[in-house]
Amino acid sequence: MKLFNLLFKSNNMWWVYALLSALFAALTAIFAKIGVSNMNSNLATAIRTVVILLVAWGIVLARNETKGITTLSRQNLLFLVISGITTGLSWVFYFKALQMGKVSQVAPVDKLSIALTIILSAVFLKEVMTARVLAGALLIIAGTLVLIK
């Protein structure tokens, strides 16, 4: 019961959402590998993108969360557009890699993004990189190398 209360307190919900994100990312890799077989990977990415667009806008509309759109700054819009471009490029390359390789090798390499994010967050966002965080990033890199060999 203590664990349940700890996980589901509002300030700890990020952990639950992060675990759900990991679960759905894992399922994405499996379903994408099956879905991309015998078809063009760019077409597969485009189809997936339309579905994501519909789901995301469906959630926003269902929760009546469109009112915040008028308060977006130029900086918000610029960086959301850049983020969208980088996400799209990530998906294009991910689907191509899935089409050509084993999902058990592609997924770990894709997750190197975790180590890269840690490094980039220190460089661009000035987040503190402690010895523990650096060790974790190095373990992710080492684990990826073990899995792809």
N, C-alpha and C. Protein backbone atom coordinates (compact mmCIF):
# COMPACT_ATOMS: atom_id res chain seq x y z
N MET A 1 0.83 -1.19 0.00
CA MET A 1 0.00 0.00 0.00
C MET A 1 0.87 1.26 0.00
N LYS A 2 2.00 1.22 0.74
CA LYS A 2 2.90 2.36 0.76
C LYS A 2 3.44 2.65 -0.64
N LEU A 3 3.80 1.59 -1.35
CA LEU A 3 4.32 1.75 -2.71
C LEU A 3 3.26 2.37 -3.61
N PHE A 4 2.03 1.91 -3.49
CA PHE A 4 0.93 2.46 -4.29
C PHE A 4 0.76 3.95 -4.00
N ASN A 5 0.73 4.31 -2.72
CA ASN A 5 0.58 5.72 -2.34
C ASN A 5 1.77 6.55 -2.84
N LEU A 6 2.97 5.99 -2.75
CA LEU A 6 4.16 6.70 -3.21
C LEU A 6 4.10 6.95 -4.72
N LEU A 7 3.71 5.93 -5.48
CA LEU A 7 3.66 6.06 -6.93
C LEU A 7 2.56 6.98 -7.41
N PHE A 8 1.43 6.98 -6.74
CA PHE A 8 0.26 7.69 -7.25
C PHE A 8 0.00 9.04 -6.58
N LYS A 9 0.96 9.53 -5.79
CA LYS A 9 0.87 10.91 -5.31
C LYS A 9 1.12 11.80 -6.52
N SER A 10 0.47 12.93 -6.57
CA SER A 10 0.53 13.77 -7.77
C SER A 10 1.95 14.16 -8.17
N ASN A 11 2.85 14.36 -7.20
CA ASN A 11 4.21 14.75 -7.57
C ASN A 11 5.05 13.56 -8.04
N ASN A 12 4.54 12.35 -7.91
CA ASN A 12 5.26 11.17 -8.38
C ASN A 12 4.64 10.55 -9.63
N MET A 13 3.60 11.15 -10.15
CA MET A 13 2.92 10.58 -11.32
C MET A 13 3.82 10.53 -12.55
N TRP A 14 4.87 11.34 -12.60
CA TRP A 14 5.78 11.29 -13.74
C TRP A 14 6.33 9.88 -13.91
N TRP A 15 6.56 9.19 -12.81
CA TRP A 15 7.12 7.84 -12.83
C TRP A 15 6.15 6.87 -13.52
N VAL A 16 4.88 6.95 -13.18
CA VAL A 16 3.86 6.10 -13.79
C VAL A 16 3.77 6.40 -15.28
N TYR A 17 3.72 7.68 -15.62
CA TYR A 17 3.65 8.06 -17.04
C TYR A 17 4.89 7.61 -17.80
N ALA A 18 6.06 7.71 -17.16
CA ALA A 18 7.30 7.27 -17.81
C ALA A 18 7.29 5.76 -18.06
N LEU A 19 6.79 5.00 -17.08
CA LEU A 19 6.68 3.54 -17.27
C LEU A 19 5.70 3.19 -18.39
N LEU A 20 4.57 3.90 -18.42
CA LEU A 20 3.60 3.68 -19.50
C LEU A 20 4.21 4.06 -20.85
N SER A 21 4.98 5.12 -20.88
CA SER A 21 5.67 5.52 -22.10
C SER A 21 6.61 4.41 -22.57
N ALA A 22 7.38 3.85 -21.64
CA ALA A 22 8.30 2.77 -21.98
C ALA A 22 7.55 1.54 -22.50
N LEU A 23 6.44 1.21 -21.85
CA LEU A 23 5.64 0.07 -22.29
C LEU A 23 5.13 0.28 -23.72
N PHE A 24 4.55 1.46 -23.96
CA PHE A 24 4.00 1.72 -25.29
C PHE A 24 5.11 1.87 -26.33
N ALA A 25 6.27 2.37 -25.95
CA ALA A 25 7.40 2.43 -26.89
C ALA A 25 7.85 1.03 -27.28
N ALA A 26 7.87 0.13 -26.30
CA ALA A 26 8.24 -1.26 -26.60
C ALA A 26 7.22 -1.90 -27.54
N LEU A 27 5.94 -1.68 -27.25
CA LEU A 27 4.89 -2.22 -28.13
C LEU A 27 4.97 -1.58 -29.51
N THR A 28 5.32 -0.31 -29.58
CA THR A 28 5.47 0.37 -30.86
C THR A 28 6.51 -0.33 -31.72
N ALA A 29 7.63 -0.68 -31.13
CA ALA A 29 8.69 -1.36 -31.88
C ALA A 29 8.20 -2.69 -32.44
N ILE A 30 7.51 -3.46 -31.64
CA ILE A 30 7.02 -4.76 -32.08
C ILE A 30 5.98 -4.60 -33.20
N PHE A 31 4.98 -3.74 -32.97
CA PHE A 31 3.93 -3.55 -33.97
C PHE A 31 4.47 -2.91 -35.24
N ALA A 32 5.42 -1.99 -35.10
CA ALA A 32 5.99 -1.33 -36.27
C ALA A 32 6.78 -2.33 -37.11
N LYS A 33 7.53 -3.20 -36.48
CA LYS A 33 8.31 -4.21 -37.22
C LYS A 33 7.37 -5.08 -38.05
N ILE A 34 6.26 -5.48 -37.46
CA ILE A 34 5.29 -6.30 -38.19
C ILE A 34 4.63 -5.47 -39.29
N GLY A 35 4.27 -4.23 -38.98
CA GLY A 35 3.56 -3.39 -39.92
C GLY A 35 4.39 -2.93 -41.10
N VAL A 36 5.69 -2.81 -40.94
CA VAL A 36 6.54 -2.27 -41.99
C VAL A 36 7.00 -3.36 -42.97
N SER A 37 6.70 -4.61 -42.67
CA SER A 37 7.15 -5.69 -43.56
C SER A 37 6.44 -5.59 -44.91
N ASN A 38 7.21 -5.77 -45.96
CA ASN A 38 6.71 -5.78 -47.34
C ASN A 38 6.06 -4.47 -47.76
N MET A 39 6.54 -3.35 -47.23
CA MET A 39 6.03 -2.06 -47.69
C MET A 39 7.12 -1.00 -47.54
N ASN A 40 6.91 0.13 -48.16
CA ASN A 40 7.84 1.24 -48.08
C ASN A 40 7.83 1.82 -46.67
N SER A 41 9.01 1.98 -46.08
CA SER A 41 9.09 2.45 -44.69
C SER A 41 8.63 3.90 -44.56
N ASN A 42 8.82 4.72 -45.58
CA ASN A 42 8.35 6.11 -45.51
C ASN A 42 6.82 6.18 -45.53
N LEU A 43 6.20 5.33 -46.33
CA LEU A 43 4.74 5.26 -46.35
C LEU A 43 4.22 4.79 -44.99
N ALA A 44 4.90 3.81 -44.41
CA ALA A 44 4.52 3.32 -43.08
C ALA A 44 4.61 4.45 -42.04
N THR A 45 5.67 5.24 -42.12
CA THR A 45 5.83 6.36 -41.21
C THR A 45 4.71 7.38 -41.39
N ALA A 46 4.35 7.67 -42.63
CA ALA A 46 3.29 8.63 -42.91
C ALA A 46 1.95 8.15 -42.36
N ILE A 47 1.66 6.88 -42.54
CA ILE A 47 0.40 6.33 -42.02
C ILE A 47 0.38 6.42 -40.50
N ARG A 48 1.47 6.03 -39.88
CA ARG A 48 1.57 6.10 -38.41
C ARG A 48 1.40 7.54 -37.92
N THR A 49 1.97 8.48 -38.65
CA THR A 49 1.88 9.88 -38.27
C THR A 49 0.45 10.39 -38.29
N VAL A 50 -0.32 9.99 -39.29
CA VAL A 50 -1.73 10.39 -39.36
C VAL A 50 -2.49 9.85 -38.16
N VAL A 51 -2.23 8.61 -37.82
CA VAL A 51 -2.90 8.00 -36.66
C VAL A 51 -2.54 8.77 -35.39
N ILE A 52 -1.27 9.08 -35.21
CA ILE A 52 -0.84 9.83 -34.03
C ILE A 52 -1.49 11.21 -34.00
N LEU A 53 -1.57 11.86 -35.14
CA LEU A 53 -2.22 13.17 -35.23
C LEU A 53 -3.68 13.09 -34.77
N LEU A 54 -4.38 12.07 -35.25
CA LEU A 54 -5.79 11.91 -34.87
C LEU A 54 -5.94 11.62 -33.38
N VAL A 55 -5.08 10.76 -32.86
CA VAL A 55 -5.14 10.42 -31.43
C VAL A 55 -4.84 11.66 -30.58
N ALA A 56 -3.78 12.38 -30.91
CA ALA A 56 -3.38 13.54 -30.12
C ALA A 56 -4.47 14.62 -30.13
N TRP A 57 -5.00 14.94 -31.32
CA TRP A 57 -6.06 15.96 -31.39
C TRP A 57 -7.35 15.45 -30.76
N GLY A 58 -7.60 14.16 -30.85
CA GLY A 58 -8.77 13.59 -30.19
C GLY A 58 -8.72 13.78 -28.68
N ILE A 59 -7.54 13.58 -28.10
CA ILE A 59 -7.36 13.77 -26.66
C ILE A 59 -7.55 15.24 -26.30
N VAL A 60 -6.92 16.13 -27.06
CA VAL A 60 -7.03 17.57 -26.79
C VAL A 60 -8.49 18.02 -26.87
N LEU A 61 -9.19 17.60 -27.91
CA LEU A 61 -10.58 18.00 -28.07
C LEU A 61 -11.48 17.38 -27.01
N ALA A 62 -11.26 16.11 -26.69
CA ALA A 62 -12.08 15.44 -25.68
C ALA A 62 -11.90 16.06 -24.30
N ARG A 63 -10.72 16.56 -24.02
CA ARG A 63 -10.45 17.16 -22.71
C ARG A 63 -10.63 18.68 -22.73
N ASN A 64 -11.09 19.21 -23.85
CA ASN A 64 -11.34 20.64 -24.01
C ASN A 64 -10.09 21.46 -23.65
N GLU A 65 -8.97 21.08 -24.24
CA GLU A 65 -7.70 21.73 -23.92
C GLU A 65 -7.19 22.64 -25.04
N THR A 66 -8.06 23.05 -25.94
CA THR A 66 -7.63 23.90 -27.04
C THR A 66 -7.46 25.36 -26.63
N LYS A 67 -7.98 25.75 -25.50
CA LYS A 67 -7.94 27.17 -25.11
C LYS A 67 -6.52 27.70 -24.95
N GLY A 68 -5.57 26.85 -24.66
CA GLY A 68 -4.18 27.29 -24.48
C GLY A 68 -3.48 27.65 -25.78
N ILE A 69 -4.07 27.32 -26.90
CA ILE A 69 -3.41 27.54 -28.19
C ILE A 69 -3.20 29.02 -28.49
N THR A 70 -4.07 29.87 -27.99
CA THR A 70 -3.95 31.30 -28.26
C THR A 70 -2.87 31.98 -27.42
N THR A 71 -2.38 31.30 -26.41
CA THR A 71 -1.36 31.89 -25.54
C THR A 71 0.06 31.44 -25.89
N LEU A 72 0.21 30.66 -26.96
CA LEU A 72 1.54 30.19 -27.34
C LEU A 72 2.40 31.35 -27.82
N SER A 73 3.63 31.36 -27.38
CA SER A 73 4.57 32.40 -27.82
C SER A 73 5.25 31.95 -29.11
N ARG A 74 5.96 32.87 -29.72
CA ARG A 74 6.74 32.51 -30.92
C ARG A 74 7.77 31.45 -30.58
N GLN A 75 8.37 31.60 -29.40
CA GLN A 75 9.37 30.62 -28.96
C GLN A 75 8.72 29.24 -28.79
N ASN A 76 7.54 29.19 -28.16
CA ASN A 76 6.83 27.91 -28.03
C ASN A 76 6.64 27.27 -29.40
N LEU A 77 6.09 28.05 -30.32
CA LEU A 77 5.80 27.53 -31.66
C LEU A 77 7.06 27.10 -32.39
N LEU A 78 8.10 27.94 -32.34
CA LEU A 78 9.35 27.62 -33.03
C LEU A 78 9.92 26.29 -32.54
N PHE A 79 10.02 26.13 -31.23
CA PHE A 79 10.63 24.92 -30.70
C PHE A 79 9.72 23.71 -30.82
N LEU A 80 8.41 23.90 -30.83
CA LEU A 80 7.51 22.77 -31.09
C LEU A 80 7.62 22.32 -32.55
N VAL A 81 7.77 23.28 -33.46
CA VAL A 81 7.96 22.94 -34.87
C VAL A 81 9.28 22.20 -35.06
N ILE A 82 10.34 22.72 -34.46
CA ILE A 82 11.65 22.05 -34.56
C ILE A 82 11.58 20.65 -33.95
N SER A 83 10.91 20.54 -32.80
CA SER A 83 10.74 19.23 -32.17
C SER A 83 9.96 18.28 -33.07
N GLY A 84 8.92 18.80 -33.72
CA GLY A 84 8.15 17.99 -34.66
C GLY A 84 9.00 17.50 -35.83
N ILE A 85 9.84 18.37 -36.34
CA ILE A 85 10.74 17.98 -37.45
C ILE A 85 11.70 16.90 -37.00
N THR A 86 12.31 17.08 -35.82
CA THR A 86 13.26 16.07 -35.35
C THR A 86 12.56 14.76 -35.02
N THR A 87 11.34 14.83 -34.49
CA THR A 87 10.57 13.60 -34.24
C THR A 87 10.28 12.88 -35.55
N GLY A 88 9.85 13.64 -36.55
CA GLY A 88 9.56 13.05 -37.86
C GLY A 88 10.78 12.38 -38.45
N LEU A 89 11.92 13.05 -38.38
CA LEU A 89 13.15 12.45 -38.91
C LEU A 89 13.53 11.20 -38.12
N SER A 90 13.34 11.26 -36.80
CA SER A 90 13.62 10.09 -35.97
C SER A 90 12.76 8.90 -36.42
N TRP A 91 11.48 9.15 -36.65
CA TRP A 91 10.57 8.08 -37.08
C TRP A 91 10.93 7.53 -38.45
N VAL A 92 11.30 8.40 -39.37
CA VAL A 92 11.69 7.95 -40.72
C VAL A 92 12.87 6.99 -40.63
N PHE A 93 13.90 7.40 -39.87
CA PHE A 93 15.08 6.54 -39.75
C PHE A 93 14.81 5.29 -38.91
N TYR A 94 13.96 5.41 -37.91
CA TYR A 94 13.60 4.26 -37.07
C TYR A 94 12.87 3.20 -37.89
N PHE A 95 11.91 3.63 -38.68
CA PHE A 95 11.15 2.68 -39.50
C PHE A 95 12.05 2.02 -40.55
N LYS A 96 12.96 2.79 -41.12
CA LYS A 96 13.89 2.21 -42.10
C LYS A 96 14.80 1.19 -41.42
N ALA A 97 15.28 1.53 -40.24
CA ALA A 97 16.12 0.60 -39.48
C ALA A 97 15.35 -0.66 -39.11
N LEU A 98 14.08 -0.50 -38.68
CA LEU A 98 13.26 -1.67 -38.35
C LEU A 98 13.03 -2.56 -39.56
N GLN A 99 12.85 -1.93 -40.70
CA GLN A 99 12.61 -2.69 -41.92
C GLN A 99 13.83 -3.53 -42.28
N MET A 100 15.00 -2.99 -42.02
CA MET A 100 16.24 -3.65 -42.43
C MET A 100 16.86 -4.54 -41.36
N GLY A 101 16.59 -4.25 -40.09
CA GLY A 101 17.28 -4.97 -39.03
C GLY A 101 16.34 -5.69 -38.09
N LYS A 102 16.96 -6.34 -37.12
CA LYS A 102 16.19 -7.03 -36.08
C LYS A 102 15.71 -6.01 -35.06
N VAL A 103 14.46 -6.15 -34.64
CA VAL A 103 13.91 -5.21 -33.65
C VAL A 103 14.70 -5.29 -32.34
N SER A 104 15.24 -6.47 -32.02
CA SER A 104 16.01 -6.64 -30.79
C SER A 104 17.36 -5.92 -30.86
N GLN A 105 17.78 -5.51 -32.05
CA GLN A 105 19.00 -4.71 -32.18
C GLN A 105 18.67 -3.24 -32.45
N VAL A 106 17.64 -2.99 -33.23
CA VAL A 106 17.28 -1.61 -33.57
C VAL A 106 16.81 -0.85 -32.33
N ALA A 107 15.95 -1.46 -31.53
CA ALA A 107 15.39 -0.78 -30.36
C ALA A 107 16.47 -0.33 -29.37
N PRO A 108 17.44 -1.18 -29.02
CA PRO A 108 18.48 -0.70 -28.10
C PRO A 108 19.31 0.47 -28.67
N VAL A 109 19.60 0.42 -29.96
CA VAL A 109 20.35 1.52 -30.56
C VAL A 109 19.51 2.80 -30.50
N ASP A 110 18.22 2.66 -30.80
CA ASP A 110 17.32 3.81 -30.72
C ASP A 110 17.31 4.39 -29.31
N LYS A 111 17.42 3.54 -28.32
CA LYS A 111 17.39 4.01 -26.93
C LYS A 111 18.71 4.66 -26.50
N LEU A 112 19.70 4.66 -27.37
CA LEU A 112 20.89 5.48 -27.11
C LEU A 112 20.50 6.95 -27.00
N SER A 113 19.30 7.26 -27.49
CA SER A 113 18.80 8.62 -27.36
C SER A 113 18.76 9.05 -25.90
N ILE A 114 18.62 8.10 -25.00
CA ILE A 114 18.61 8.43 -23.57
C ILE A 114 19.96 9.01 -23.17
N ALA A 115 21.04 8.32 -23.52
CA ALA A 115 22.38 8.81 -23.18
C ALA A 115 22.67 10.13 -23.90
N LEU A 116 22.28 10.23 -25.16
CA LEU A 116 22.48 11.48 -25.90
C LEU A 116 21.68 12.62 -25.29
N THR A 117 20.47 12.34 -24.84
CA THR A 117 19.64 13.36 -24.20
C THR A 117 20.28 13.85 -22.92
N ILE A 118 20.85 12.95 -22.15
CA ILE A 118 21.52 13.33 -20.91
C ILE A 118 22.67 14.30 -21.22
N ILE A 119 23.46 13.96 -22.21
CA ILE A 119 24.59 14.81 -22.59
C ILE A 119 24.10 16.16 -23.12
N LEU A 120 23.13 16.12 -24.03
CA LEU A 120 22.62 17.35 -24.62
C LEU A 120 21.90 18.24 -23.59
N SER A 121 21.26 17.62 -22.59
CA SER A 121 20.59 18.41 -21.56
C SER A 121 21.61 19.17 -20.71
N ALA A 122 22.78 18.59 -20.53
CA ALA A 122 23.84 19.29 -19.80
C ALA A 122 24.41 20.43 -20.64
N VAL A 123 24.58 20.20 -21.93
CA VAL A 123 25.16 21.22 -22.81
C VAL A 123 24.19 22.37 -23.05
N PHE A 124 22.95 22.06 -23.45
CA PHE A 124 22.02 23.11 -23.87
C PHE A 124 21.13 23.65 -22.76
N LEU A 125 20.76 22.80 -21.81
CA LEU A 125 19.85 23.22 -20.75
C LEU A 125 20.56 23.48 -19.42
N LYS A 126 21.86 23.24 -19.42
CA LYS A 126 22.70 23.45 -18.22
C LYS A 126 22.24 22.59 -17.04
N GLU A 127 21.67 21.41 -17.35
CA GLU A 127 21.30 20.49 -16.28
C GLU A 127 22.57 19.87 -15.70
N VAL A 128 22.55 19.64 -14.42
CA VAL A 128 23.73 19.12 -13.73
C VAL A 128 23.92 17.64 -14.07
N MET A 129 25.13 17.29 -14.48
CA MET A 129 25.44 15.90 -14.75
C MET A 129 26.27 15.36 -13.59
N THR A 130 25.61 14.66 -12.70
CA THR A 130 26.29 14.08 -11.54
C THR A 130 27.03 12.81 -11.97
N ALA A 131 27.86 12.31 -11.09
CA ALA A 131 28.59 11.07 -11.36
C ALA A 131 27.60 9.92 -11.58
N ARG A 132 26.52 9.92 -10.83
CA ARG A 132 25.51 8.86 -10.97
C ARG A 132 24.83 8.92 -12.34
N VAL A 133 24.50 10.14 -12.78
CA VAL A 133 23.86 10.30 -14.09
C VAL A 133 24.83 9.90 -15.20
N LEU A 134 26.08 10.32 -15.08
CA LEU A 134 27.10 9.96 -16.07
C LEU A 134 27.30 8.44 -16.11
N ALA A 135 27.35 7.82 -14.93
CA ALA A 135 27.51 6.36 -14.86
C ALA A 135 26.32 5.67 -15.52
N GLY A 136 25.12 6.17 -15.28
CA GLY A 136 23.94 5.59 -15.91
C GLY A 136 24.00 5.69 -17.43
N ALA A 137 24.41 6.85 -17.93
CA ALA A 137 24.54 7.04 -19.38
C ALA A 137 25.57 6.08 -19.97
N LEU A 138 26.69 5.93 -19.27
CA LEU A 138 27.73 5.01 -19.75
C LEU A 138 27.24 3.56 -19.73
N LEU A 139 26.46 3.21 -18.72
CA LEU A 139 25.90 1.85 -18.67
C LEU A 139 24.91 1.61 -19.81
N ILE A 140 24.13 2.62 -20.16
CA ILE A 140 23.21 2.50 -21.30
C ILE A 140 24.01 2.26 -22.57
N ILE A 141 25.07 3.03 -22.75
CA ILE A 141 25.91 2.87 -23.94
C ILE A 141 26.54 1.47 -23.95
N ALA A 142 27.06 1.04 -22.81
CA ALA A 142 27.68 -0.29 -22.72
C ALA A 142 26.64 -1.39 -22.99
N GLY A 143 25.46 -1.24 -22.41
CA GLY A 143 24.40 -2.22 -22.62
C GLY A 143 23.99 -2.30 -24.08
N THR A 144 23.94 -1.17 -24.74
CA THR A 144 23.60 -1.16 -26.16
C THR A 144 24.64 -1.91 -26.97
N LEU A 145 25.92 -1.67 -26.65
CA LEU A 145 26.99 -2.35 -27.36
C LEU A 145 26.92 -3.87 -27.16
N VAL A 146 26.59 -4.29 -25.94
CA VAL A 146 26.44 -5.72 -25.66
C VAL A 146 25.29 -6.32 -26.48
N LEU A 147 24.17 -5.61 -26.55
CA LEU A 147 22.98 -6.13 -27.23
C LEU A 147 23.11 -6.19 -28.75
N ILE A 148 23.91 -5.31 -29.33
CA ILE A 148 23.98 -5.29 -30.80
C ILE A 148 25.09 -6.16 -31.37
N LYS A 149 25.96 -6.66 -30.55
CA LYS A 149 27.07 -7.50 -31.02
C LYS A 149 26.61 -8.91 -31.32
